[in-house]
PDB file of N, CA and C in Angstrom:
ATOM      1  N   MET A   1     -37.097 -35.337  -0.603  1.00  0.00           N
ATOM      2  CA  MET A   1     -35.731 -35.708  -0.276  1.00  0.00           C
ATOM      3  C   MET A   1     -34.931 -35.821  -1.571  1.00  0.00           C
ATOM      4  N   VAL A   2     -33.693 -35.374  -1.515  1.00  0.00           N
ATOM      5  CA  VAL A   2     -32.775 -35.488  -2.644  1.00  0.00           C
ATOM      6  C   VAL A   2     -31.620 -36.391  -2.220  1.00  0.00           C
ATOM      7  N   VAL A   3     -31.314 -37.371  -3.057  1.00  0.00           N
ATOM      8  CA  VAL A   3     -30.172 -38.257  -2.826  1.00  0.00           C
ATOM      9  C   VAL A   3     -29.237 -38.057  -4.014  1.00  0.00           C
ATOM     10  N   ASP A   4     -28.018 -37.611  -3.724  1.00  0.00           N
ATOM     11  CA  ASP A   4     -27.059 -37.291  -4.782  1.00  0.00           C
ATOM     12  C   ASP A   4     -25.824 -38.181  -4.669  1.00  0.00           C
ATOM     13  N   PHE A   5     -25.587 -38.973  -5.713  1.00  0.00           N
ATOM     14  CA  PHE A   5     -24.413 -39.845  -5.774  1.00  0.00           C
ATOM     15  C   PHE A   5     -23.300 -39.125  -6.522  1.00  0.00           C
ATOM     16  N   PHE A   6     -22.094 -39.172  -5.971  1.00  0.00           N
ATOM     17  CA  PHE A   6     -20.965 -38.486  -6.593  1.00  0.00           C
ATOM     18  C   PHE A   6     -19.663 -39.184  -6.245  1.00  0.00           C
ATOM     19  N   ALA A   7     -18.594 -38.770  -6.905  1.00  0.00           N
ATOM     20  CA  ALA A   7     -17.251 -39.266  -6.585  1.00  0.00           C
ATOM     21  C   ALA A   7     -16.236 -38.189  -6.950  1.00  0.00           C
ATOM     22  N   GLU A   8     -15.117 -38.233  -6.278  1.00  0.00           N
ATOM     23  CA  GLU A   8     -14.057 -37.244  -6.482  1.00  0.00           C
ATOM     24  C   GLU A   8     -13.519 -37.272  -7.908  1.00  0.00           C
ATOM     25  N   HIS A   9     -13.409 -38.443  -8.507  1.00  0.00           N
ATOM     26  CA  HIS A   9     -12.848 -38.551  -9.854  1.00  0.00           C
ATOM     27  C   HIS A   9     -13.829 -38.103 -10.947  1.00  0.00           C
ATOM     28  N   CYS A  10     -15.064 -37.847 -10.583  1.00  0.00           N
ATOM     29  CA  CYS A  10     -16.121 -37.479 -11.536  1.00  0.00           C
ATOM     30  C   CYS A  10     -16.128 -35.967 -11.755  1.00  0.00           C
ATOM     31  N   ILE A  11     -15.667 -35.536 -12.925  1.00  0.00           N
ATOM     32  CA  ILE A  11     -15.603 -34.101 -13.235  1.00  0.00           C
ATOM     33  C   ILE A  11     -16.986 -33.459 -13.201  1.00  0.00           C
ATOM     34  N   PRO A  12     -18.020 -34.045 -13.828  1.00  0.00           N
ATOM     35  CA  PRO A  12     -19.351 -33.429 -13.755  1.00  0.00           C
ATOM     36  C   PRO A  12     -19.893 -33.322 -12.326  1.00  0.00           C
ATOM     37  N   CYS A  13     -19.472 -34.231 -11.452  1.00  0.00           N
ATOM     38  CA  CYS A  13     -19.903 -34.163 -10.055  1.00  0.00           C
ATOM     39  C   CYS A  13     -19.409 -32.870  -9.406  1.00  0.00           C
ATOM     40  N   GLY A  14     -18.194 -32.488  -9.719  1.00  0.00           N
ATOM     41  CA  GLY A  14     -17.632 -31.251  -9.183  1.00  0.00           C
ATOM     42  C   GLY A  14     -18.382 -30.021  -9.652  1.00  0.00           C
ATOM     43  N   ARG A  15     -19.023 -30.123 -10.800  1.00  0.00           N
ATOM     44  CA  ARG A  15     -19.827 -29.005 -11.301  1.00  0.00           C
ATOM     45  C   ARG A  15     -21.237 -29.009 -10.715  1.00  0.00           C
ATOM     46  N   SER A  16     -21.773 -30.194 -10.402  1.00  0.00           N
ATOM     47  CA  SER A  16     -23.158 -30.263  -9.918  1.00  0.00           C
ATOM     48  C   SER A  16     -23.282 -30.104  -8.399  1.00  0.00           C
ATOM     49  N   LEU A  17     -22.278 -30.507  -7.640  1.00  0.00           N
ATOM     50  CA  LEU A  17     -22.370 -30.428  -6.183  1.00  0.00           C
ATOM     51  C   LEU A  17     -22.636 -29.014  -5.660  1.00  0.00           C
ATOM     52  N   PRO A  18     -22.008 -27.960  -6.208  1.00  0.00           N
ATOM     53  CA  PRO A  18     -22.334 -26.622  -5.709  1.00  0.00           C
ATOM     54  C   PRO A  18     -23.815 -26.262  -5.894  1.00  0.00           C
ATOM     55  N   SER A  19     -24.426 -26.738  -6.958  1.00  0.00           N
ATOM     56  CA  SER A  19     -25.854 -26.471  -7.174  1.00  0.00           C
ATOM     57  C   SER A  19     -26.719 -27.237  -6.178  1.00  0.00           C
ATOM     58  N   ILE A  20     -26.327 -28.466  -5.879  1.00  0.00           N
ATOM     59  CA  ILE A  20     -27.065 -29.247  -4.879  1.00  0.00           C
ATOM     60  C   ILE A  20     -26.927 -28.579  -3.512  1.00  0.00           C
ATOM     61  N   GLU A  21     -25.739 -28.096  -3.201  1.00  0.00           N
ATOM     62  CA  GLU A  21     -25.523 -27.383  -1.933  1.00  0.00           C
ATOM     63  C   GLU A  21     -26.362 -26.111  -1.890  1.00  0.00           C
ATOM     64  N   ALA A  22     -26.416 -25.372  -2.975  1.00  0.00           N
ATOM     65  CA  ALA A  22     -27.223 -24.143  -3.030  1.00  0.00           C
ATOM     66  C   ALA A  22     -28.707 -24.464  -2.837  1.00  0.00           C
ATOM     67  N   LEU A  23     -29.176 -25.546  -3.443  1.00  0.00           N
ATOM     68  CA  LEU A  23     -30.562 -25.968  -3.265  1.00  0.00           C
ATOM     69  C   LEU A  23     -30.821 -26.310  -1.805  1.00  0.00           C
ATOM     70  N   HIS A  24     -29.891 -27.008  -1.196  1.00  0.00           N
ATOM     71  CA  HIS A  24     -30.024 -27.371   0.222  1.00  0.00           C
ATOM     72  C   HIS A  24     -30.104 -26.128   1.103  1.00  0.00           C
ATOM     73  N   ARG A  25     -29.258 -25.173   0.856  1.00  0.00           N
ATOM     74  CA  ARG A  25     -29.252 -23.942   1.670  1.00  0.00           C
ATOM     75  C   ARG A  25     -30.504 -23.106   1.438  1.00  0.00           C
ATOM     76  N   ALA A  26     -31.013 -23.102   0.208  1.00  0.00           N
ATOM     77  CA  ALA A  26     -32.189 -22.301  -0.128  1.00  0.00           C
ATOM     78  C   ALA A  26     -33.493 -22.943   0.333  1.00  0.00           C
ATOM     79  N   THR A  27     -33.448 -24.247   0.614  1.00  0.00           N
ATOM     80  CA  THR A  27     -34.658 -24.980   0.986  1.00  0.00           C
ATOM     81  C   THR A  27     -34.377 -25.738   2.287  1.00  0.00           C
ATOM     82  N   PRO A  28     -34.421 -25.031   3.420  1.00  0.00           N
ATOM     83  CA  PRO A  28     -34.013 -25.647   4.684  1.00  0.00           C
ATOM     84  C   PRO A  28     -34.814 -26.882   5.093  1.00  0.00           C
ATOM     85  N   ASP A  29     -36.067 -26.977   4.650  1.00  0.00           N
ATOM     86  CA  ASP A  29     -36.875 -28.126   5.039  1.00  0.00           C
ATOM     87  C   ASP A  29     -36.668 -29.332   4.123  1.00  0.00           C
ATOM     88  N   LEU A  30     -35.849 -29.167   3.088  1.00  0.00           N
ATOM     89  CA  LEU A  30     -35.546 -30.252   2.166  1.00  0.00           C
ATOM     90  C   LEU A  30     -34.425 -31.117   2.728  1.00  0.00           C
ATOM     91  N   ILE A  31     -34.639 -32.412   2.776  1.00  0.00           N
ATOM     92  CA  ILE A  31     -33.598 -33.350   3.211  1.00  0.00           C
ATOM     93  C   ILE A  31     -32.737 -33.668   1.994  1.00  0.00           C
ATOM     94  N   VAL A  32     -31.437 -33.460   2.144  1.00  0.00           N
ATOM     95  CA  VAL A  32     -30.476 -33.785   1.088  1.00  0.00           C
ATOM     96  C   VAL A  32     -29.454 -34.744   1.682  1.00  0.00           C
ATOM     97  N   LEU A  33     -29.189 -35.813   0.957  1.00  0.00           N
ATOM     98  CA  LEU A  33     -28.189 -36.785   1.384  1.00  0.00           C
ATOM     99  C   LEU A  33     -27.209 -37.004   0.247  1.00  0.00           C
ATOM    100  N   GLY A  34     -25.949 -36.807   0.518  1.00  0.00           N
ATOM    101  CA  GLY A  34     -24.906 -37.101  -0.455  1.00  0.00           C
ATOM    102  C   GLY A  34     -24.385 -38.509  -0.239  1.00  0.00           C
ATOM    103  N   VAL A  35     -24.116 -39.203  -1.339  1.00  0.00           N
ATOM    104  CA  VAL A  35     -23.590 -40.565  -1.263  1.00  0.00           C
ATOM    105  C   VAL A  35     -22.300 -40.607  -2.079  1.00  0.00           C
ATOM    106  N   SER A  36     -21.198 -40.790  -1.390  1.00  0.00           N
ATOM    107  CA  SER A  36     -19.892 -40.828  -2.040  1.00  0.00           C
ATOM    108  C   SER A  36     -19.586 -42.227  -2.548  1.00  0.00           C
ATOM    109  N   GLU A  37     -19.255 -42.300  -3.824  1.00  0.00           N
ATOM    110  CA  GLU A  37     -18.848 -43.559  -4.442  1.00  0.00           C
ATOM    111  C   GLU A  37     -17.328 -43.582  -4.652  1.00  0.00           C
ATOM    112  N   ASP A  38     -16.618 -42.843  -3.821  1.00  0.00           N
ATOM    113  CA  ASP A  38     -15.170 -42.773  -3.923  1.00  0.00           C
ATOM    114  C   ASP A  38     -14.521 -44.085  -3.523  1.00  0.00           C
ATOM    115  N   ASP A  39     -13.234 -44.209  -3.833  1.00  0.00           N
ATOM    116  CA  ASP A  39     -12.479 -45.416  -3.514  1.00  0.00           C
ATOM    117  C   ASP A  39     -12.216 -45.560  -2.020  1.00  0.00           C
ATOM    118  N   ASP A  40     -12.247 -44.431  -1.310  1.00  0.00           N
ATOM    119  CA  ASP A  40     -12.041 -44.479   0.134  1.00  0.00           C
ATOM    120  C   ASP A  40     -12.765 -43.312   0.793  1.00  0.00           C
ATOM    121  N   ALA A  41     -12.908 -43.398   2.099  1.00  0.00           N
ATOM    122  CA  ALA A  41     -13.624 -42.368   2.849  1.00  0.00           C
ATOM    123  C   ALA A  41     -12.908 -41.021   2.774  1.00  0.00           C
ATOM    124  N   ALA A  42     -11.604 -41.025   2.592  1.00  0.00           N
ATOM    125  CA  ALA A  42     -10.859 -39.775   2.496  1.00  0.00           C
ATOM    126  C   ALA A  42     -11.290 -38.977   1.263  1.00  0.00           C
ATOM    127  N   GLY A  43     -11.589 -39.664   0.169  1.00  0.00           N
ATOM    128  CA  GLY A  43     -12.072 -38.985  -1.032  1.00  0.00           C
ATOM    129  C   GLY A  43     -13.396 -38.299  -0.772  1.00  0.00           C
ATOM    130  N   ALA A  44     -14.262 -38.967  -0.035  1.00  0.00           N
ATOM    131  CA  ALA A  44     -15.554 -38.381   0.332  1.00  0.00           C
ATOM    132  C   ALA A  44     -15.333 -37.125   1.167  1.00  0.00           C
ATOM    133  N   GLN A  45     -14.433 -37.218   2.136  1.00  0.00           N
ATOM    134  CA  GLN A  45     -14.161 -36.068   3.013  1.00  0.00           C
ATOM    135  C   GLN A  45     -13.565 -34.901   2.227  1.00  0.00           C
ATOM    136  N   ARG A  46     -12.703 -35.183   1.280  1.00  0.00           N
ATOM    137  CA  ARG A  46     -12.128 -34.104   0.454  1.00  0.00           C
ATOM    138  C   ARG A  46     -13.216 -33.385  -0.334  1.00  0.00           C
ATOM    139  N   MET A  47     -14.189 -34.145  -0.856  1.00  0.00           N
ATOM    140  CA  MET A  47     -15.285 -33.522  -1.608  1.00  0.00           C
ATOM    141  C   MET A  47     -16.144 -32.649  -0.696  1.00  0.00           C
ATOM    142  N   VAL A  48     -16.401 -33.111   0.517  1.00  0.00           N
ATOM    143  CA  VAL A  48     -17.174 -32.316   1.482  1.00  0.00           C
ATOM    144  C   VAL A  48     -16.452 -31.008   1.749  1.00  0.00           C
ATOM    145  N   GLN A  49     -15.154 -31.072   1.984  1.00  0.00           N
ATOM    146  CA  GLN A  49     -14.375 -29.869   2.271  1.00  0.00           C
ATOM    147  C   GLN A  49     -14.240 -28.972   1.048  1.00  0.00           C
ATOM    148  N   ARG A  50     -13.938 -29.552  -0.101  1.00  0.00           N
ATOM    149  CA  ARG A  50     -13.733 -28.781  -1.328  1.00  0.00           C
ATOM    150  C   ARG A  50     -14.974 -27.983  -1.707  1.00  0.00           C
ATOM    151  N   HIS A  51     -16.154 -28.576  -1.499  1.00  0.00           N
ATOM    152  CA  HIS A  51     -17.395 -27.934  -1.924  1.00  0.00           C
ATOM    153  C   HIS A  51     -18.191 -27.368  -0.757  1.00  0.00           C
ATOM    154  N   ASP A  52     -17.587 -27.369   0.437  1.00  0.00           N
ATOM    155  CA  ASP A  52     -18.214 -26.809   1.638  1.00  0.00           C
ATOM    156  C   ASP A  52     -19.637 -27.337   1.805  1.00  0.00           C
ATOM    157  N   LEU A  53     -19.775 -28.648   1.736  1.00  0.00           N
ATOM    158  CA  LEU A  53     -21.091 -29.276   1.806  1.00  0.00           C
ATOM    159  C   LEU A  53     -21.600 -29.269   3.248  1.00  0.00           C
ATOM    160  N   THR A  54     -22.844 -28.848   3.411  1.00  0.00           N
ATOM    161  CA  THR A  54     -23.444 -28.788   4.751  1.00  0.00           C
ATOM    162  C   THR A  54     -24.489 -29.883   4.952  1.00  0.00           C
ATOM    163  N   PHE A  55     -24.817 -30.618   3.903  1.00  0.00           N
ATOM    164  CA  PHE A  55     -25.755 -31.732   4.063  1.00  0.00           C
ATOM    165  C   PHE A  55     -24.959 -32.996   4.397  1.00  0.00           C
ATOM    166  N   PRO A  56     -25.614 -33.988   5.000  1.00  0.00           N
ATOM    167  CA  PRO A  56     -24.903 -35.220   5.361  1.00  0.00           C
ATOM    168  C   PRO A  56     -24.403 -35.970   4.122  1.00  0.00           C
ATOM    169  N   VAL A  57     -23.219 -36.526   4.247  1.00  0.00           N
ATOM    170  CA  VAL A  57     -22.623 -37.330   3.176  1.00  0.00           C
ATOM    171  C   VAL A  57     -22.199 -38.660   3.785  1.00  0.00           C
ATOM    172  N   VAL A  58     -22.611 -39.737   3.123  1.00  0.00           N
ATOM    173  CA  VAL A  58     -22.198 -41.071   3.558  1.00  0.00           C
ATOM    174  C   VAL A  58     -21.268 -41.654   2.504  1.00  0.00           C
ATOM    175  N   TYR A  59     -20.338 -42.462   2.959  1.00  0.00           N
ATOM    176  CA  TYR A  59     -19.405 -43.151   2.073  1.00  0.00           C
ATOM    177  C   TYR A  59     -19.960 -44.543   1.803  1.00  0.00           C
ATOM    178  N   ASP A  60     -20.269 -44.816   0.566  1.00  0.00           N
ATOM    179  CA  ASP A  60     -20.881 -46.082   0.148  1.00  0.00           C
ATOM    180  C   ASP A  60     -19.768 -47.099  -0.134  1.00  0.00           C
ATOM    181  N   ASP A  61     -19.151 -47.578   0.932  1.00  0.00           N
ATOM    182  CA  ASP A  61     -17.961 -48.428   0.861  1.00  0.00           C
ATOM    183  C   ASP A  61     -18.128 -49.640  -0.059  1.00  0.00           C
ATOM    184  N   GLN A  62     -19.208 -50.352   0.057  1.00  0.00           N
ATOM    185  CA  GLN A  62     -19.431 -51.554  -0.752  1.00  0.00           C
ATOM    186  C   GLN A  62     -20.374 -51.293  -1.928  1.00  0.00           C
ATOM    187  N   HIS A  63     -20.681 -50.020  -2.164  1.00  0.00           N
ATOM    188  CA  HIS A  63     -21.572 -49.604  -3.260  1.00  0.00           C
ATOM    189  C   HIS A  63     -22.960 -50.225  -3.151  1.00  0.00           C
ATOM    190  N   ALA A  64     -23.374 -50.498  -1.918  1.00  0.00           N
ATOM    191  CA  ALA A  64     -24.699 -51.086  -1.687  1.00  0.00           C
ATOM    192  C   ALA A  64     -25.808 -50.103  -2.051  1.00  0.00           C
ATOM    193  N   LEU A  65     -25.645 -48.843  -1.657  1.00  0.00           N
ATOM    194  CA  LEU A  65     -26.668 -47.845  -1.992  1.00  0.00           C
ATOM    195  C   LEU A  65     -26.736 -47.625  -3.499  1.00  0.00           C
ATOM    196  N   ALA A  66     -25.587 -47.567  -4.135  1.00  0.00           N
ATOM    197  CA  ALA A  66     -25.567 -47.400  -5.596  1.00  0.00           C
ATOM    198  C   ALA A  66     -26.267 -48.574  -6.270  1.00  0.00           C
ATOM    199  N   GLY A  67     -26.103 -49.756  -5.721  1.00  0.00           N
ATOM    200  CA  GLY A  67     -26.784 -50.923  -6.263  1.00  0.00           C
ATOM    201  C   GLY A  67     -28.284 -50.843  -6.079  1.00  0.00           C
ATOM    202  N   ARG A  68     -28.709 -50.399  -4.907  1.00  0.00           N
ATOM    203  CA  ARG A  68     -30.148 -50.271  -4.633  1.00  0.00           C
ATOM    204  C   ARG A  68     -30.808 -49.252  -5.551  1.00  0.00           C
ATOM    205  N   PHE A  69     -30.089 -48.173  -5.819  1.00  0.00           N
ATOM    206  CA  PHE A  69     -30.629 -47.119  -6.683  1.00  0.00           C
ATOM    207  C   PHE A  69     -30.316 -47.367  -8.166  1.00  0.00           C
ATOM    208  N   ARG A  70     -29.584 -48.448  -8.427  1.00  0.00           N
ATOM    209  CA  ARG A  70     -29.197 -48.808  -9.798  1.00  0.00           C
ATOM    210  C   ARG A  70     -28.430 -47.683 -10.489  1.00  0.00           C
ATOM    211  N   VAL A  71     -27.451 -47.161  -9.769  1.00  0.00           N
ATOM    212  CA  VAL A  71     -26.607 -46.090 -10.304  1.00  0.00           C
ATOM    213  C   VAL A  71     -25.555 -46.713 -11.207  1.00  0.00           C
ATOM    214  N   SER A  72     -25.509 -46.245 -12.439  1.00  0.00           N
ATOM    215  CA  SER A  72     -24.494 -46.742 -13.371  1.00  0.00           C
ATOM    216  C   SER A  72     -23.537 -45.636 -13.808  1.00  0.00           C
ATOM    217  N   ASP A  73     -23.985 -44.391 -13.771  1.00  0.00           N
ATOM    218  CA  ASP A  73     -23.158 -43.247 -14.144  1.00  0.00           C
ATOM    219  C   ASP A  73     -23.240 -42.181 -13.067  1.00  0.00           C
ATOM    220  N   LEU A  74     -22.176 -41.426 -12.941  1.00  0.00           N
ATOM    221  CA  LEU A  74     -22.134 -40.319 -11.981  1.00  0.00           C
ATOM    222  C   LEU A  74     -22.020 -39.003 -12.735  1.00  0.00           C
ATOM    223  N   PRO A  75     -22.562 -37.942 -12.189  1.00  0.00           N
ATOM    224  CA  PRO A  75     -23.399 -37.895 -11.000  1.00  0.00           C
ATOM    225  C   PRO A  75     -24.769 -38.496 -11.277  1.00  0.00           C
ATOM    226  N   ALA A  76     -25.425 -38.901 -10.225  1.00  0.00           N
ATOM    227  CA  ALA A  76     -26.803 -39.392 -10.307  1.00  0.00           C
ATOM    228  C   ALA A  76     -27.567 -38.797  -9.137  1.00  0.00           C
ATOM    229  N   THR A  77     -28.636 -38.111  -9.438  1.00  0.00           N
ATOM    230  CA  THR A  77     -29.424 -37.453  -8.409  1.00  0.00           C
ATOM    231  C   THR A  77     -30.852 -37.962  -8.482  1.00  0.00           C
ATOM    232  N   PHE A  78     -31.415 -38.245  -7.315  1.00  0.00           N
ATOM    233  CA  PHE A  78     -32.768 -38.763  -7.215  1.00  0.00           C
ATOM    234  C   PHE A  78     -33.598 -37.847  -6.329  1.00  0.00           C
ATOM    235  N   VAL A  79     -34.844 -37.628  -6.716  1.00  0.00           N
ATOM    236  CA  VAL A  79     -35.808 -36.950  -5.859  1.00  0.00           C
ATOM    237  C   VAL A  79     -36.775 -38.028  -5.396  1.00  0.00           C
ATOM    238  N   VAL A  80     -36.925 -38.129  -4.074  1.00  0.00           N
ATOM    239  CA  VAL A  80     -37.758 -39.166  -3.471  1.00  0.00           C
ATOM    240  C   VAL A  80     -38.918 -38.477  -2.753  1.00  0.00           C
ATOM    241  N   GLU A  81     -40.127 -38.917  -3.069  1.00  0.00           N
ATOM    242  CA  GLU A  81     -41.319 -38.362  -2.429  1.00  0.00           C
ATOM    243  C   GLU A  81     -41.403 -38.823  -0.976  1.00  0.00           C
ATOM    244  N   ALA A  82     -42.273 -38.187  -0.210  1.00  0.00           N
ATOM    245  CA  ALA A  82     -42.434 -38.507   1.207  1.00  0.00           C
ATOM    246  C   ALA A  82     -42.825 -39.965   1.425  1.00  0.00           C
ATOM    247  N   ASN A  83     -43.504 -40.576   0.451  1.00  0.00           N
ATOM    248  CA  ASN A  83     -43.918 -41.973   0.588  1.00  0.00           C
ATOM    249  C   ASN A  83     -42.812 -42.954   0.196  1.00  0.00           C
ATOM    250  N   GLY A  84     -41.623 -42.435  -0.153  1.00  0.00           N
ATOM    251  CA  GLY A  84     -40.477 -43.281  -0.478  1.00  0.00           C
ATOM    252  C   GLY A  84     -40.335 -43.636  -1.942  1.00  0.00           C
ATOM    253  N   VAL A  85     -41.205 -43.116  -2.780  1.00  0.00           N
ATOM    254  CA  VAL A  85     -41.158 -43.415  -4.202  1.00  0.00           C
ATOM    255  C   VAL A  85     -40.227 -42.435  -4.911  1.00  0.00           C
ATOM    256  N   VAL A  86     -39.313 -42.968  -5.714  1.00  0.00           N
ATOM    257  CA  VAL A  86     -38.440 -42.121  -6.519  1.00  0.00           C
ATOM    258  C   VAL A  86     -39.291 -41.525  -7.638  1.00  0.00           C
ATOM    259  N   CYS A  87     -39.350 -40.201  -7.675  1.00  0.00           N
ATOM    260  CA  CYS A  87     -40.187 -39.543  -8.684  1.00  0.00           C
ATOM    261  C   CYS A  87     -39.365 -38.885  -9.780  1.00  0.00           C
ATOM    262  N   TRP A  88     -38.041 -38.827  -9.601  1.00  0.00           N
ATOM    263  CA  TRP A  88     -37.191 -38.197 -10.614  1.00  0.00           C
ATOM    264  C   TRP A  88     -35.768 -38.698 -10.461  1.00  0.00           C
ATOM    265  N   LYS A  89     -35.093 -38.873 -11.608  1.00  0.00           N
ATOM    266  CA  LYS A  89     -33.671 -39.229 -11.624  1.00  0.00           C
ATOM    267  C   LYS A  89     -33.017 -38.442 -12.747  1.00  0.00           C
ATOM    268  N   GLY A  90     -31.879 -37.877 -12.478  1.00  0.00           N
ATOM    269  CA  GLY A  90     -31.155 -37.128 -13.492  1.00  0.00           C
ATOM    270  C   GLY A  90     -29.885 -36.551 -12.924  1.00  0.00           C
ATOM    271  N   GLU A  91     -29.369 -35.522 -13.619  1.00  0.00           N
ATOM    272  CA  GLU A  91     -28.138 -34.901 -13.131  1.00  0.00           C
ATOM    273  C   GLU A  91     -28.123 -33.392 -13.294  1.00  0.00           C
ATOM    274  N   ASP A  92     -29.053 -32.829 -14.034  1.00  0.00           N
ATOM    275  CA  ASP A  92     -29.077 -31.384 -14.252  1.00  0.00           C
ATOM    276  C   ASP A  92     -29.632 -30.680 -13.014  1.00  0.00           C
ATOM    277  N   PRO A  93     -28.847 -29.786 -12.391  1.00  0.00           N
ATOM    278  CA  PRO A  93     -29.291 -29.110 -11.165  1.00  0.00           C
ATOM    279  C   PRO A  93     -30.588 -28.317 -11.333  1.00  0.00           C
ATOM    280  N   ASP A  94     -30.808 -27.717 -12.492  1.00  0.00           N
ATOM    281  CA  ASP A  94     -32.056 -26.981 -12.698  1.00  0.00           C
ATOM    282  C   ASP A  94     -33.244 -27.930 -12.711  1.00  0.00           C
ATOM    283  N   ASP A  95     -33.058 -29.103 -13.288  1.00  0.00           N
ATOM    284  CA  ASP A  95     -34.122 -30.095 -13.308  1.00  0.00           C
ATOM    285  C   ASP A  95     -34.388 -30.645 -11.909  1.00  0.00           C
ATOM    286  N   VAL A  96     -33.354 -30.758 -11.089  1.00  0.00           N
ATOM    287  CA  VAL A  96     -33.518 -31.222  -9.711  1.00  0.00           C
ATOM    288  C   VAL A  96     -34.421 -30.252  -8.968  1.00  0.00           C
ATOM    289  N   ARG A  97     -34.153 -28.975  -9.110  1.00  0.00           N
ATOM    290  CA  ARG A  97     -34.946 -27.943  -8.432  1.00  0.00           C
ATOM    291  C   ARG A  97     -36.422 -28.047  -8.831  1.00  0.00           C
ATOM    292  N   ALA A  98     -36.683 -28.192 -10.123  1.00  0.00           N
ATOM    293  CA  ALA A  98     -38.054 -28.314 -10.611  1.00  0.00           C
ATOM    294  C   ALA A  98     -38.712 -29.590 -10.083  1.00  0.00           C
ATOM    295  N   ALA A  99     -37.955 -30.686 -10.046  1.00  0.00           N
ATOM    296  CA  ALA A  99     -38.496 -31.957  -9.564  1.00  0.00           C
ATOM    297  C   ALA A  99     -38.840 -31.871  -8.084  1.00  0.00           C
ATOM    298  N   VAL A 100     -38.009 -31.184  -7.308  1.00  0.00           N
ATOM    299  CA  VAL A 100     -38.270 -31.012  -5.877  1.00  0.00           C
ATOM    300  C   VAL A 100     -39.555 -30.213  -5.694  1.00  0.00           C
ATOM    301  N   GLN A 101     -39.732 -29.179  -6.473  1.00  0.00           N
ATOM    302  CA  GLN A 101     -40.916 -28.336  -6.350  1.00  0.00           C
ATOM    303  C   GLN A 101     -42.199 -29.092  -6.695  1.00  0.00           C
ATOM    304  N   SER A 102     -42.111 -30.052  -7.609  1.00  0.00           N
ATOM    305  CA  SER A 102     -43.317 -30.781  -8.020  1.00  0.00           C
ATOM    306  C   SER A 102     -43.524 -32.075  -7.222  1.00  0.00           C
ATOM    307  N   ALA A 103     -42.559 -32.467  -6.392  1.00  0.00           N
ATOM    308  CA  ALA A 103     -42.695 -33.711  -5.602  1.00  0.00           C
ATOM    309  C   ALA A 103     -43.754 -33.541  -4.523  1.00  0.00           C
ATOM    310  N   LYS A 104     -44.386 -34.635  -4.196  1.00  0.00           N
ATOM    311  CA  LYS A 104     -45.418 -34.638  -3.150  1.00  0.00           C
ATOM    312  C   LYS A 104     -44.779 -34.617  -1.781  1.00  0.00           C
TER     313      LYS A 104
END
């Protein structure tokens, strides 16, 4: 599973989201969840539309998910193994792909 935190105001997020979307499309059995840290749900929706995202995106209104994952900078991408253990954290799309391939 890949969990990707992003926000509309984050310039690097706009560069990484297309790669996360491409990974999602290329790996149909991979679960990808986007987590919007935008100021409002409309910002999250604009990012979904702008980047034609086909994976589910949730709006983290109170930043509870960001707190659980200890996100301090955006973008932040996590690869989570089937047993629920985070096995990788970073932001480089090529590294995400490699981490997904090596995850259990």
